[in-house]
Amino acid sequence: MAGVTILGVSPDSVKSHAKFKKKYGLPYSLLADTEQVVCNLYGVWGPQKFMGRSYEGVFRTTFLIDGEGMIKQVFENVKPEGHSKEILAVL
């Protein structure tokens, strides 16, 4: 996998993550941030709108973090389709 570690983080429950991972055959870990601690630290939790409804939620964002723990690149408003190619292009 291009020598990288992939982690998915969302406020969904561990049970929900297990179901989602199995359904889509994801080969990486999903971390449950049910209190939005990590989401808030990375600034990816906030107001959203969908079909005229306002709510709090996660902004789909990818962070490339180097071996020293430094953020090297941020991808905002991520769309799953084709995103892996976008990441591989900058590795």
PDB file of N, CA and C in Angstrom:
ATOM      1  N   MET A   1       0.819  -1.188   0.000  1.00  0.00           N
ATOM      2  CA  MET A   1       0.000   0.000   0.000  1.00  0.00           C
ATOM      3  C   MET A   1       0.864   1.253   0.000  1.00  0.00           C
ATOM      4  N   ALA A   2       1.805   1.366  -0.855  1.00  0.00           N
ATOM      5  CA  ALA A   2       2.612   2.570  -1.025  1.00  0.00           C
ATOM      6  C   ALA A   2       3.368   2.957   0.238  1.00  0.00           C
ATOM      7  N   GLY A   3       3.563   2.028   1.175  1.00  0.00           N
ATOM      8  CA  GLY A   3       4.322   2.304   2.380  1.00  0.00           C
ATOM      9  C   GLY A   3       3.667   3.285   3.331  1.00  0.00           C
ATOM     10  N   VAL A   4       2.352   3.335   3.358  1.00  0.00           N
ATOM     11  CA  VAL A   4       1.647   4.262   4.237  1.00  0.00           C
ATOM     12  C   VAL A   4       0.681   3.497   5.138  1.00  0.00           C
ATOM     13  N   THR A   5       0.324   4.134   6.250  1.00  0.00           N
ATOM     14  CA  THR A   5      -0.696   3.604   7.145  1.00  0.00           C
ATOM     15  C   THR A   5      -1.958   4.425   6.925  1.00  0.00           C
ATOM     16  N   ILE A   6      -3.072   3.746   6.757  1.00  0.00           N
ATOM     17  CA  ILE A   6      -4.352   4.425   6.535  1.00  0.00           C
ATOM     18  C   ILE A   6      -5.233   4.200   7.754  1.00  0.00           C
ATOM     19  N   LEU A   7      -5.811   5.281   8.256  1.00  0.00           N
ATOM     20  CA  LEU A   7      -6.766   5.211   9.356  1.00  0.00           C
ATOM     21  C   LEU A   7      -7.973   6.056   8.991  1.00  0.00           C
ATOM     22  N   GLY A   8      -9.149   5.544   9.237  1.00  0.00           N
ATOM     23  CA  GLY A   8     -10.371   6.319   9.054  1.00  0.00           C
ATOM     24  C   GLY A   8     -10.892   6.712  10.427  1.00  0.00           C
ATOM     25  N   VAL A   9     -11.322   7.955  10.573  1.00  0.00           N
ATOM     26  CA  VAL A   9     -11.836   8.438  11.854  1.00  0.00           C
ATOM     27  C   VAL A   9     -13.181   9.105  11.619  1.00  0.00           C
ATOM     28  N   SER A  10     -14.158   8.742  12.437  1.00  0.00           N
ATOM     29  CA  SER A  10     -15.458   9.413  12.393  1.00  0.00           C
ATOM     30  C   SER A  10     -16.127   9.260  13.745  1.00  0.00           C
ATOM     31  N   PRO A  11     -17.171  10.062  14.010  1.00  0.00           N
ATOM     32  CA  PRO A  11     -17.859   9.963  15.298  1.00  0.00           C
ATOM     33  C   PRO A  11     -18.826   8.786  15.399  1.00  0.00           C
ATOM     34  N   ASP A  12     -18.876   7.950  14.391  1.00  0.00           N
ATOM     35  CA  ASP A  12     -19.757   6.785  14.446  1.00  0.00           C
ATOM     36  C   ASP A  12     -19.253   5.777  15.481  1.00  0.00           C
ATOM     37  N   SER A  13     -20.113   4.898  15.921  1.00  0.00           N
ATOM     38  CA  SER A  13     -19.772   3.908  16.946  1.00  0.00           C
ATOM     39  C   SER A  13     -18.863   2.816  16.394  1.00  0.00           C
ATOM     40  N   VAL A  14     -18.226   2.094  17.309  1.00  0.00           N
ATOM     41  CA  VAL A  14     -17.382   0.955  16.930  1.00  0.00           C
ATOM     42  C   VAL A  14     -18.214  -0.073  16.164  1.00  0.00           C
ATOM     43  N   LYS A  15     -19.424  -0.334  16.636  1.00  0.00           N
ATOM     44  CA  LYS A  15     -20.317  -1.300  15.976  1.00  0.00           C
ATOM     45  C   LYS A  15     -20.640  -0.859  14.552  1.00  0.00           C
ATOM     46  N   SER A  16     -20.937   0.425  14.381  1.00  0.00           N
ATOM     47  CA  SER A  16     -21.234   0.967  13.055  1.00  0.00           C
ATOM     48  C   SER A  16     -20.021   0.846  12.130  1.00  0.00           C
ATOM     49  N   HIS A  17     -18.838   1.128  12.669  1.00  0.00           N
ATOM     50  CA  HIS A  17     -17.611   1.018  11.872  1.00  0.00           C
ATOM     51  C   HIS A  17     -17.367  -0.420  11.429  1.00  0.00           C
ATOM     52  N   ALA A  18     -17.573  -1.362  12.320  1.00  0.00           N
ATOM     53  CA  ALA A  18     -17.368  -2.773  11.982  1.00  0.00           C
ATOM     54  C   ALA A  18     -18.287  -3.193  10.838  1.00  0.00           C
ATOM     55  N   LYS A  19     -19.536  -2.774  10.914  1.00  0.00           N
ATOM     56  CA  LYS A  19     -20.505  -3.091   9.861  1.00  0.00           C
ATOM     57  C   LYS A  19     -20.101  -2.446   8.531  1.00  0.00           C
ATOM     58  N   PHE A  20     -19.708  -1.168   8.573  1.00  0.00           N
ATOM     59  CA  PHE A  20     -19.307  -0.428   7.378  1.00  0.00           C
ATOM     60  C   PHE A  20     -18.057  -1.047   6.752  1.00  0.00           C
ATOM     61  N   LYS A  21     -17.081  -1.386   7.585  1.00  0.00           N
ATOM     62  CA  LYS A  21     -15.831  -1.985   7.105  1.00  0.00           C
ATOM     63  C   LYS A  21     -16.097  -3.325   6.413  1.00  0.00           C
ATOM     64  N   LYS A  22     -16.956  -4.127   7.019  1.00  0.00           N
ATOM     65  CA  LYS A  22     -17.292  -5.427   6.431  1.00  0.00           C
ATOM     66  C   LYS A  22     -18.048  -5.249   5.117  1.00  0.00           C
ATOM     67  N   LYS A  23     -19.024  -4.355   5.107  1.00  0.00           N
ATOM     68  CA  LYS A  23     -19.851  -4.126   3.917  1.00  0.00           C
ATOM     69  C   LYS A  23     -19.008  -3.730   2.705  1.00  0.00           C
ATOM     70  N   TYR A  24     -18.021  -2.849   2.920  1.00  0.00           N
ATOM     71  CA  TYR A  24     -17.225  -2.338   1.808  1.00  0.00           C
ATOM     72  C   TYR A  24     -15.849  -2.997   1.686  1.00  0.00           C
ATOM     73  N   GLY A  25     -15.554  -3.974   2.527  1.00  0.00           N
ATOM     74  CA  GLY A  25     -14.291  -4.696   2.452  1.00  0.00           C
ATOM     75  C   GLY A  25     -13.074  -3.795   2.635  1.00  0.00           C
ATOM     76  N   LEU A  26     -13.161  -2.868   3.560  1.00  0.00           N
ATOM     77  CA  LEU A  26     -12.066  -1.920   3.761  1.00  0.00           C
ATOM     78  C   LEU A  26     -10.858  -2.605   4.396  1.00  0.00           C
ATOM     79  N   PRO A  27      -9.663  -2.386   3.850  1.00  0.00           N
ATOM     80  CA  PRO A  27      -8.459  -3.047   4.364  1.00  0.00           C
ATOM     81  C   PRO A  27      -7.720  -2.234   5.431  1.00  0.00           C
ATOM     82  N   TYR A  28      -8.375  -1.238   6.002  1.00  0.00           N
ATOM     83  CA  TYR A  28      -7.715  -0.402   7.002  1.00  0.00           C
ATOM     84  C   TYR A  28      -8.619  -0.205   8.220  1.00  0.00           C
ATOM     85  N   SER A  29      -8.025   0.293   9.298  1.00  0.00           N
ATOM     86  CA  SER A  29      -8.750   0.480  10.553  1.00  0.00           C
ATOM     87  C   SER A  29      -9.630   1.724  10.520  1.00  0.00           C
ATOM     88  N   LEU A  30     -10.782   1.606  11.170  1.00  0.00           N
ATOM     89  CA  LEU A  30     -11.681   2.742  11.360  1.00  0.00           C
ATOM     90  C   LEU A  30     -11.735   3.029  12.855  1.00  0.00           C
ATOM     91  N   LEU A  31     -11.477   4.273  13.220  1.00  0.00           N
ATOM     92  CA  LEU A  31     -11.440   4.655  14.623  1.00  0.00           C
ATOM     93  C   LEU A  31     -12.692   5.440  14.989  1.00  0.00           C
ATOM     94  N   ALA A  32     -13.312   5.059  16.107  1.00  0.00           N
ATOM     95  CA  ALA A  32     -14.540   5.694  16.566  1.00  0.00           C
ATOM     96  C   ALA A  32     -14.189   6.888  17.469  1.00  0.00           C
ATOM     97  N   ASP A  33     -14.556   8.071  17.034  1.00  0.00           N
ATOM     98  CA  ASP A  33     -14.342   9.310  17.782  1.00  0.00           C
ATOM     99  C   ASP A  33     -15.702   9.827  18.231  1.00  0.00           C
ATOM    100  N   THR A  34     -16.367   9.031  19.062  1.00  0.00           N
ATOM    101  CA  THR A  34     -17.761   9.301  19.407  1.00  0.00           C
ATOM    102  C   THR A  34     -17.966  10.615  20.163  1.00  0.00           C
ATOM    103  N   GLU A  35     -16.944  11.144  20.780  1.00  0.00           N
ATOM    104  CA  GLU A  35     -17.038  12.424  21.491  1.00  0.00           C
ATOM    105  C   GLU A  35     -16.517  13.585  20.641  1.00  0.00           C
ATOM    106  N   GLN A  36     -16.150  13.326  19.382  1.00  0.00           N
ATOM    107  CA  GLN A  36     -15.632  14.315  18.428  1.00  0.00           C
ATOM    108  C   GLN A  36     -14.355  15.008  18.910  1.00  0.00           C
ATOM    109  N   VAL A  37     -13.559  14.338  19.738  1.00  0.00           N
ATOM    110  CA  VAL A  37     -12.314  14.923  20.242  1.00  0.00           C
ATOM    111  C   VAL A  37     -11.313  15.105  19.103  1.00  0.00           C
ATOM    112  N   VAL A  38     -11.055  14.040  18.352  1.00  0.00           N
ATOM    113  CA  VAL A  38     -10.103  14.110  17.240  1.00  0.00           C
ATOM    114  C   VAL A  38     -10.643  15.035  16.145  1.00  0.00           C
ATOM    115  N   CYS A  39     -11.915  14.915  15.850  1.00  0.00           N
ATOM    116  CA  CYS A  39     -12.521  15.774  14.823  1.00  0.00           C
ATOM    117  C   CYS A  39     -12.352  17.250  15.168  1.00  0.00           C
ATOM    118  N   ASN A  40     -12.553  17.599  16.427  1.00  0.00           N
ATOM    119  CA  ASN A  40     -12.386  18.989  16.846  1.00  0.00           C
ATOM    120  C   ASN A  40     -10.923  19.419  16.793  1.00  0.00           C
ATOM    121  N   LEU A  41     -10.011  18.551  17.220  1.00  0.00           N
ATOM    122  CA  LEU A  41      -8.581  18.887  17.184  1.00  0.00           C
ATOM    123  C   LEU A  41      -8.103  19.167  15.760  1.00  0.00           C
ATOM    124  N   TYR A  42      -8.642  18.426  14.788  1.00  0.00           N
ATOM    125  CA  TYR A  42      -8.246  18.608  13.391  1.00  0.00           C
ATOM    126  C   TYR A  42      -9.135  19.612  12.653  1.00  0.00           C
ATOM    127  N   GLY A  43     -10.104  20.167  13.336  1.00  0.00           N
ATOM    128  CA  GLY A  43     -10.957  21.197  12.739  1.00  0.00           C
ATOM    129  C   GLY A  43     -11.889  20.692  11.656  1.00  0.00           C
ATOM    130  N   VAL A  44     -12.335  19.435  11.791  1.00  0.00           N
ATOM    131  CA  VAL A  44     -13.196  18.861  10.761  1.00  0.00           C
ATOM    132  C   VAL A  44     -14.614  18.567  11.266  1.00  0.00           C
ATOM    133  N   TRP A  45     -14.998  19.203  12.366  1.00  0.00           N
ATOM    134  CA  TRP A  45     -16.346  19.044  12.901  1.00  0.00           C
ATOM    135  C   TRP A  45     -17.013  20.406  12.905  1.00  0.00           C
ATOM    136  N   GLY A  46     -18.207  20.498  12.326  1.00  0.00           N
ATOM    137  CA  GLY A  46     -18.874  21.782  12.323  1.00  0.00           C
ATOM    138  C   GLY A  46     -20.212  21.746  11.621  1.00  0.00           C
ATOM    139  N   PRO A  47     -20.756  22.923  11.362  1.00  0.00           N
ATOM    140  CA  PRO A  47     -22.083  23.013  10.754  1.00  0.00           C
ATOM    141  C   PRO A  47     -22.112  22.502   9.312  1.00  0.00           C
ATOM    142  N   GLN A  48     -23.163  21.768   9.005  1.00  0.00           N
ATOM    143  CA  GLN A  48     -23.369  21.213   7.667  1.00  0.00           C
ATOM    144  C   GLN A  48     -24.800  21.525   7.247  1.00  0.00           C
ATOM    145  N   LYS A  49     -25.036  21.445   5.953  1.00  0.00           N
ATOM    146  CA  LYS A  49     -26.399  21.564   5.428  1.00  0.00           C
ATOM    147  C   LYS A  49     -26.604  20.484   4.386  1.00  0.00           C
ATOM    148  N   PHE A  50     -27.779  19.879   4.425  1.00  0.00           N
ATOM    149  CA  PHE A  50     -28.137  18.872   3.429  1.00  0.00           C
ATOM    150  C   PHE A  50     -29.643  18.932   3.250  1.00  0.00           C
ATOM    151  N   MET A  51     -30.053  19.159   2.020  1.00  0.00           N
ATOM    152  CA  MET A  51     -31.460  19.237   1.675  1.00  0.00           C
ATOM    153  C   MET A  51     -32.208  20.228   2.575  1.00  0.00           C
ATOM    154  N   GLY A  52     -31.585  21.380   2.816  1.00  0.00           N
ATOM    155  CA  GLY A  52     -32.209  22.425   3.598  1.00  0.00           C
ATOM    156  C   GLY A  52     -32.156  22.228   5.105  1.00  0.00           C
ATOM    157  N   ARG A  53     -31.574  21.132   5.539  1.00  0.00           N
ATOM    158  CA  ARG A  53     -31.496  20.819   6.971  1.00  0.00           C
ATOM    159  C   ARG A  53     -30.107  21.161   7.492  1.00  0.00           C
ATOM    160  N   SER A  54     -29.995  21.847   8.604  1.00  0.00           N
ATOM    161  CA  SER A  54     -28.716  22.175   9.232  1.00  0.00           C
ATOM    162  C   SER A  54     -28.442  21.191  10.367  1.00  0.00           C
ATOM    163  N   TYR A  55     -27.186  20.794  10.502  1.00  0.00           N
ATOM    164  CA  TYR A  55     -26.791  19.861  11.553  1.00  0.00           C
ATOM    165  C   TYR A  55     -25.283  19.967  11.757  1.00  0.00           C
ATOM    166  N   GLU A  56     -24.763  19.352  12.811  1.00  0.00           N
ATOM    167  CA  GLU A  56     -23.334  19.283  13.060  1.00  0.00           C
ATOM    168  C   GLU A  56     -22.827  17.962  12.493  1.00  0.00           C
ATOM    169  N   GLY A  57     -21.671  18.001  11.832  1.00  0.00           N
ATOM    170  CA  GLY A  57     -21.134  16.782  11.251  1.00  0.00           C
ATOM    171  C   GLY A  57     -19.673  16.923  10.880  1.00  0.00           C
ATOM    172  N   VAL A  58     -19.145  15.871  10.277  1.00  0.00           N
ATOM    173  CA  VAL A  58     -17.743  15.797   9.891  1.00  0.00           C
ATOM    174  C   VAL A  58     -17.568  16.308   8.463  1.00  0.00           C
ATOM    175  N   PHE A  59     -16.541  17.121   8.263  1.00  0.00           N
ATOM    176  CA  PHE A  59     -16.159  17.533   6.912  1.00  0.00           C
ATOM    177  C   PHE A  59     -15.232  16.442   6.382  1.00  0.00           C
ATOM    178  N   ARG A  60     -15.551  15.862   5.231  1.00  0.00           N
ATOM    179  CA  ARG A  60     -14.706  14.805   4.667  1.00  0.00           C
ATOM    180  C   ARG A  60     -13.355  15.390   4.296  1.00  0.00           C
ATOM    181  N   THR A  61     -12.350  14.971   5.024  1.00  0.00           N
ATOM    182  CA  THR A  61     -11.018  15.527   4.882  1.00  0.00           C
ATOM    183  C   THR A  61      -9.989  14.420   5.026  1.00  0.00           C
ATOM    184  N   THR A  62      -8.919  14.496   4.239  1.00  0.00           N
ATOM    185  CA  THR A  62      -7.796  13.572   4.363  1.00  0.00           C
ATOM    186  C   THR A  62      -6.558  14.358   4.749  1.00  0.00           C
ATOM    187  N   PHE A  63      -5.829  13.841   5.733  1.00  0.00           N
ATOM    188  CA  PHE A  63      -4.571  14.438   6.153  1.00  0.00           C
ATOM    189  C   PHE A  63      -3.445  13.466   5.837  1.00  0.00           C
ATOM    190  N   LEU A  64      -2.424  13.926   5.124  1.00  0.00           N
ATOM    191  CA  LEU A  64      -1.209  13.140   4.931  1.00  0.00           C
ATOM    192  C   LEU A  64      -0.247  13.584   6.018  1.00  0.00           C
ATOM    193  N   ILE A  65       0.137  12.648   6.876  1.00  0.00           N
ATOM    194  CA  ILE A  65       1.003  12.940   8.020  1.00  0.00           C
ATOM    195  C   ILE A  65       2.280  12.130   7.865  1.00  0.00           C
ATOM    196  N   ASP A  66       3.426  12.812   7.960  1.00  0.00           N
ATOM    197  CA  ASP A  66       4.701  12.117   7.753  1.00  0.00           C
ATOM    198  C   ASP A  66       5.120  11.332   8.995  1.00  0.00           C
ATOM    199  N   GLY A  67       6.240  10.643   8.915  1.00  0.00           N
ATOM    200  CA  GLY A  67       6.748   9.812  10.002  1.00  0.00           C
ATOM    201  C   GLY A  67       7.096  10.589  11.255  1.00  0.00           C
ATOM    202  N   GLU A  68       7.252  11.882  11.130  1.00  0.00           N
ATOM    203  CA  GLU A  68       7.556  12.738  12.280  1.00  0.00           C
ATOM    204  C   GLU A  68       6.280  13.311  12.904  1.00  0.00           C
ATOM    205  N   GLY A  69       5.110  12.980  12.326  1.00  0.00           N
ATOM    206  CA  GLY A  69       3.847  13.470  12.851  1.00  0.00           C
ATOM    207  C   GLY A  69       3.433  14.830  12.325  1.00  0.00           C
ATOM    208  N   MET A  70       4.109  15.306  11.289  1.00  0.00           N
ATOM    209  CA  MET A  70       3.796  16.612  10.710  1.00  0.00           C
ATOM    210  C   MET A  70       2.803  16.449   9.560  1.00  0.00           C
ATOM    211  N   ILE A  71       1.807  17.320   9.510  1.00  0.00           N
ATOM    212  CA  ILE A  71       0.839  17.299   8.415  1.00  0.00           C
ATOM    213  C   ILE A  71       1.521  17.845   7.168  1.00  0.00           C
ATOM    214  N   LYS A  72       1.571  17.028   6.122  1.00  0.00           N
ATOM    215  CA  LYS A  72       2.230  17.414   4.875  1.00  0.00           C
ATOM    216  C   LYS A  72       1.256  17.932   3.829  1.00  0.00           C
ATOM    217  N   GLN A  73       0.026  17.439   3.861  1.00  0.00           N
ATOM    218  CA  GLN A  73      -0.970  17.895   2.895  1.00  0.00           C
ATOM    219  C   GLN A  73      -2.364  17.627   3.440  1.00  0.00           C
ATOM    220  N   VAL A  74      -3.281  18.508   3.087  1.00  0.00           N
ATOM    221  CA  VAL A  74      -4.677  18.366   3.498  1.00  0.00           C
ATOM    222  C   VAL A  74      -5.554  18.371   2.249  1.00  0.00           C
ATOM    223  N   PHE A  75      -6.434  17.391   2.154  1.00  0.00           N
ATOM    224  CA  PHE A  75      -7.409  17.302   1.068  1.00  0.00           C
ATOM    225  C   PHE A  75      -8.775  17.558   1.685  1.00  0.00           C
ATOM    226  N   GLU A  76      -9.437  18.614   1.276  1.00  0.00           N
ATOM    227  CA  GLU A  76     -10.750  18.952   1.818  1.00  0.00           C
ATOM    228  C   GLU A  76     -11.855  18.579   0.835  1.00  0.00           C
ATOM    229  N   ASN A  77     -13.072  18.441   1.353  1.00  0.00           N
ATOM    230  CA  ASN A  77     -14.242  18.092   0.543  1.00  0.00           C
ATOM    231  C   ASN A  77     -13.986  16.845  -0.304  1.00  0.00           C
ATOM    232  N   VAL A  78     -13.458  15.835   0.339  1.00  0.00           N
ATOM    233  CA  VAL A  78     -13.053  14.599  -0.334  1.00  0.00           C
ATOM    234  C   VAL A  78     -14.259  13.861  -0.907  1.00  0.00           C
ATOM    235  N   LYS A  79     -14.115  13.404  -2.116  1.00  0.00           N
ATOM    236  CA  LYS A  79     -15.081  12.511  -2.754  1.00  0.00           C
ATOM    237  C   LYS A  79     -14.398  11.145  -2.854  1.00  0.00           C
ATOM    238  N   PRO A  80     -15.022  10.081  -2.359  1.00  0.00           N
ATOM    239  CA  PRO A  80     -14.376   8.768  -2.363  1.00  0.00           C
ATOM    240  C   PRO A  80     -13.898   8.316  -3.749  1.00  0.00           C
ATOM    241  N   GLU A  81     -14.706   8.576  -4.760  1.00  0.00           N
ATOM    242  CA  GLU A  81     -14.366   8.144  -6.127  1.00  0.00           C
ATOM    243  C   GLU A  81     -13.091   8.838  -6.597  1.00  0.00           C
ATOM    244  N   GLY A  82     -12.048   8.067  -6.833  1.00  0.00           N
ATOM    245  CA  GLY A  82     -10.803   8.612  -7.376  1.00  0.00           C
ATOM    246  C   GLY A  82      -9.873   9.247  -6.358  1.00  0.00           C
ATOM    247  N   HIS A  83     -10.264   9.280  -5.086  1.00  0.00           N
ATOM    248  CA  HIS A  83      -9.432   9.953  -4.088  1.00  0.00           C
ATOM    249  C   HIS A  83      -8.109   9.232  -3.871  1.00  0.00           C
ATOM    250  N   SER A  84      -8.101   7.899  -3.940  1.00  0.00           N
ATOM    251  CA  SER A  84      -6.848   7.170  -3.735  1.00  0.00           C
ATOM    252  C   SER A  84      -5.813   7.546  -4.790  1.00  0.00           C
ATOM    253  N   LYS A  85      -6.248   7.762  -6.021  1.00  0.00           N
ATOM    254  CA  LYS A  85      -5.313   8.171  -7.078  1.00  0.00           C
ATOM    255  C   LYS A  85      -4.758   9.563  -6.796  1.00  0.00           C
ATOM    256  N   GLU A  86      -5.599  10.428  -6.272  1.00  0.00           N
ATOM    257  CA  GLU A  86      -5.180  11.790  -5.922  1.00  0.00           C
ATOM    258  C   GLU A  86      -4.089  11.744  -4.835  1.00  0.00           C
ATOM    259  N   ILE A  87      -4.270  10.881  -3.861  1.00  0.00           N
ATOM    260  CA  ILE A  87      -3.275  10.744  -2.798  1.00  0.00           C
ATOM    261  C   ILE A  87      -1.985  10.133  -3.325  1.00  0.00           C
ATOM    262  N   LEU A  88      -2.110   9.062  -4.086  1.00  0.00           N
ATOM    263  CA  LEU A  88      -0.911   8.407  -4.623  1.00  0.00           C
ATOM    264  C   LEU A  88      -0.087   9.350  -5.487  1.00  0.00           C
ATOM    265  N   ALA A  89      -0.726  10.293  -6.138  1.00  0.00           N
ATOM    266  CA  ALA A  89      -0.012  11.238  -7.005  1.00  0.00           C
ATOM    267  C   ALA A  89       0.925  12.146  -6.205  1.00  0.00           C
ATOM    268  N   VAL A  90       0.632  12.358  -4.920  1.00  0.00           N
ATOM    269  CA  VAL A  90       1.493  13.249  -4.130  1.00  0.00           C
ATOM    270  C   VAL A  90       2.465  12.489  -3.217  1.00  0.00           C
ATOM    271  N   LEU A  91       2.345  11.181  -3.148  1.00  0.00           N
ATOM    272  CA  LEU A  91       3.261  10.402  -2.290  1.00  0.00           C
ATOM    273  C   LEU A  91       4.640  10.287  -2.902  1.00  0.00           C
TER     274      LEU A  91
END
